[in-house]
């Protein structure tokens, strides 16, 4: 049950904290090394489709 004291419950505080962390992660750039690996995988997949 929700508390009526005007103070957020522990669940609400956890929920808000998790949302802040998740939103911060979404704002981070993908590392160049990871983008390079994705590009290599895509080129490998493309060459396998034709051979």
N, C-alpha and C. Protein backbone atom coordinates (compact mmCIF):
# COMPACT_ATOMS: atom_id res chain seq x y z
N UNK A 1 0.83 -1.19 0.00
CA UNK A 1 0.00 0.00 0.00
C UNK A 1 0.87 1.25 0.00
N UNK A 2 0.36 2.29 -0.59
CA UNK A 2 1.11 3.56 -0.66
C UNK A 2 1.01 4.28 0.68
N UNK A 3 2.08 4.93 1.02
CA UNK A 3 2.09 5.72 2.24
C UNK A 3 1.43 7.06 1.96
N UNK A 4 0.78 7.62 2.94
CA UNK A 4 0.08 8.90 2.77
C UNK A 4 0.77 10.02 3.52
N UNK A 5 2.05 9.86 3.85
CA UNK A 5 2.75 10.87 4.62
C UNK A 5 3.36 11.93 3.72
N UNK A 6 3.25 11.77 2.39
CA UNK A 6 3.87 12.72 1.48
C UNK A 6 5.32 12.35 1.21
N UNK A 7 5.82 11.40 1.94
CA UNK A 7 7.19 10.93 1.78
C UNK A 7 7.18 9.71 0.85
N UNK A 8 8.06 9.70 -0.15
CA UNK A 8 8.04 8.55 -1.07
C UNK A 8 8.41 7.25 -0.35
N UNK A 9 7.77 6.18 -0.77
CA UNK A 9 8.07 4.88 -0.18
C UNK A 9 9.42 4.39 -0.70
N UNK A 10 9.94 3.36 -0.07
CA UNK A 10 11.21 2.79 -0.50
C UNK A 10 11.12 2.32 -1.95
N UNK A 11 9.99 1.71 -2.32
CA UNK A 11 9.80 1.25 -3.70
C UNK A 11 9.85 2.41 -4.68
N UNK A 12 9.23 3.52 -4.32
CA UNK A 12 9.23 4.70 -5.19
C UNK A 12 10.63 5.26 -5.34
N UNK A 13 11.38 5.32 -4.25
CA UNK A 13 12.75 5.84 -4.31
C UNK A 13 13.63 4.94 -5.17
N UNK A 14 13.47 3.63 -5.00
CA UNK A 14 14.24 2.68 -5.81
C UNK A 14 13.88 2.84 -7.28
N UNK A 15 12.59 2.92 -7.56
CA UNK A 15 12.11 3.09 -8.94
C UNK A 15 12.70 4.34 -9.58
N UNK A 16 12.65 5.45 -8.86
CA UNK A 16 13.18 6.71 -9.39
C UNK A 16 14.69 6.64 -9.60
N UNK A 17 15.40 5.99 -8.69
CA UNK A 17 16.85 5.85 -8.83
C UNK A 17 17.20 4.99 -10.04
N UNK A 18 16.49 3.90 -10.20
CA UNK A 18 16.74 3.03 -11.35
C UNK A 18 16.46 3.75 -12.67
N UNK A 19 15.40 4.54 -12.71
CA UNK A 19 15.08 5.31 -13.91
C UNK A 19 16.19 6.32 -14.23
N UNK A 20 16.73 6.98 -13.20
CA UNK A 20 17.82 7.94 -13.42
C UNK A 20 19.06 7.24 -13.97
N UNK A 21 19.40 6.09 -13.40
CA UNK A 21 20.57 5.35 -13.87
C UNK A 21 20.36 4.88 -15.30
N UNK A 22 19.18 4.35 -15.60
CA UNK A 22 18.88 3.87 -16.94
C UNK A 22 18.92 5.02 -17.95
N UNK A 23 18.33 6.15 -17.60
CA UNK A 23 18.35 7.31 -18.50
C UNK A 23 19.77 7.80 -18.74
N UNK A 24 20.61 7.77 -17.71
CA UNK A 24 22.01 8.18 -17.87
C UNK A 24 22.74 7.24 -18.82
N UNK A 25 22.46 5.95 -18.72
CA UNK A 25 23.09 4.97 -19.61
C UNK A 25 22.69 5.22 -21.07
N UNK A 26 21.44 5.58 -21.27
CA UNK A 26 20.97 5.83 -22.63
C UNK A 26 21.66 7.03 -23.27
N UNK A 27 22.12 7.96 -22.45
CA UNK A 27 22.76 9.17 -22.96
C UNK A 27 24.24 8.95 -23.32
N UNK A 28 24.83 7.85 -22.84
CA UNK A 28 26.24 7.60 -23.10
C UNK A 28 26.45 7.16 -24.55
N UNK A 29 27.59 7.56 -25.10
CA UNK A 29 27.94 7.18 -26.46
C UNK A 29 28.45 5.75 -26.50
N UNK A 30 28.20 5.08 -27.62
CA UNK A 30 28.73 3.73 -27.81
C UNK A 30 30.22 3.86 -28.09
N UNK A 31 31.07 3.10 -27.39
CA UNK A 31 32.51 3.19 -27.62
C UNK A 31 32.89 2.84 -29.06
N UNK A 32 33.90 3.54 -29.59
CA UNK A 32 34.35 3.31 -30.96
C UNK A 32 34.73 1.86 -31.19
N UNK A 33 35.40 1.24 -30.23
CA UNK A 33 35.82 -0.16 -30.38
C UNK A 33 34.61 -1.06 -30.61
N UNK A 34 33.54 -0.81 -29.90
CA UNK A 34 32.33 -1.60 -30.05
C UNK A 34 31.71 -1.38 -31.43
N UNK A 35 31.70 -0.14 -31.90
CA UNK A 35 31.17 0.16 -33.23
C UNK A 35 32.00 -0.54 -34.31
N UNK A 36 33.32 -0.59 -34.11
CA UNK A 36 34.19 -1.28 -35.06
C UNK A 36 33.88 -2.77 -35.09
N UNK A 37 33.66 -3.37 -33.94
CA UNK A 37 33.33 -4.79 -33.88
C UNK A 37 32.00 -5.08 -34.57
N UNK A 38 31.03 -4.21 -34.39
CA UNK A 38 29.74 -4.38 -35.05
C UNK A 38 29.91 -4.31 -36.56
N UNK A 39 30.71 -3.36 -37.03
CA UNK A 39 30.95 -3.21 -38.46
C UNK A 39 31.63 -4.47 -39.03
N UNK A 40 32.58 -5.02 -38.29
CA UNK A 40 33.25 -6.25 -38.74
C UNK A 40 32.27 -7.41 -38.81
N UNK A 41 31.40 -7.53 -37.82
CA UNK A 41 30.41 -8.60 -37.83
C UNK A 41 29.46 -8.46 -39.02
N UNK A 42 29.03 -7.24 -39.27
CA UNK A 42 28.12 -7.01 -40.40
C UNK A 42 28.79 -7.36 -41.72
N UNK A 43 30.07 -7.00 -41.88
CA UNK A 43 30.75 -7.30 -43.13
C UNK A 43 30.97 -8.80 -43.27
N UNK A 44 31.21 -9.49 -42.16
CA UNK A 44 31.36 -10.95 -42.19
C UNK A 44 30.05 -11.61 -42.57
N UNK A 45 28.95 -11.15 -42.00
CA UNK A 45 27.63 -11.70 -42.32
C UNK A 45 27.32 -11.48 -43.79
N UNK A 46 27.64 -10.32 -44.31
CA UNK A 46 27.38 -10.01 -45.71
C UNK A 46 28.16 -10.90 -46.65
N UNK A 47 29.41 -11.19 -46.32
CA UNK A 47 30.22 -12.04 -47.19
C UNK A 47 29.76 -13.49 -47.11
N UNK A 48 29.22 -13.93 -45.99
CA UNK A 48 28.73 -15.29 -45.85
C UNK A 48 27.44 -15.48 -46.65
N UNK A 49 26.65 -14.44 -46.77
CA UNK A 49 25.39 -14.54 -47.52
C UNK A 49 25.64 -14.74 -49.00
N UNK A 50 26.76 -14.24 -49.50
CA UNK A 50 27.05 -14.32 -50.93
C UNK A 50 27.93 -15.50 -51.29
N UNK A 51 28.39 -16.27 -50.35
CA UNK A 51 29.34 -17.32 -50.66
C UNK A 51 28.91 -18.62 -50.32
